[in-house]
Amino acid sequence: MSKKIFSGVQPTGNLHLGNYLGAIKNFVKLNNDDQNECVFCVVDLHAITVTQNPKKLKDNICETLATFIACGIDPEKSIIGAAEAAANLL
């Protein structure tokens, strides 16, 4: 029986070593385990609890998604996306 895993990261700006060691490194490990069905997202709607520059927020969302892939999360094995995009499907 597979495990279903959902986790997200706020698009607060440039990701740093703490983001990598605390979350993304574990995301990659979970992604590579064939027993897991993973969804990793940018929780962009959480970021709008404070005033945001819309262009900067969009850039941060794209950068965070690109970082997921660059760090080794395989979009063929896991779902990767932004929460707003999923909310628009409902």
Foldseek 3Di string as FASTA:
>chain_A
DAAEEEEEAELPDDDDPCCCVVPLVVLQVQLPDLSYAYEYEHAHVVVPVDDDDVVSSVVSRVVVQVVSVVSHRDCVRYHYYYPVVVVVVD
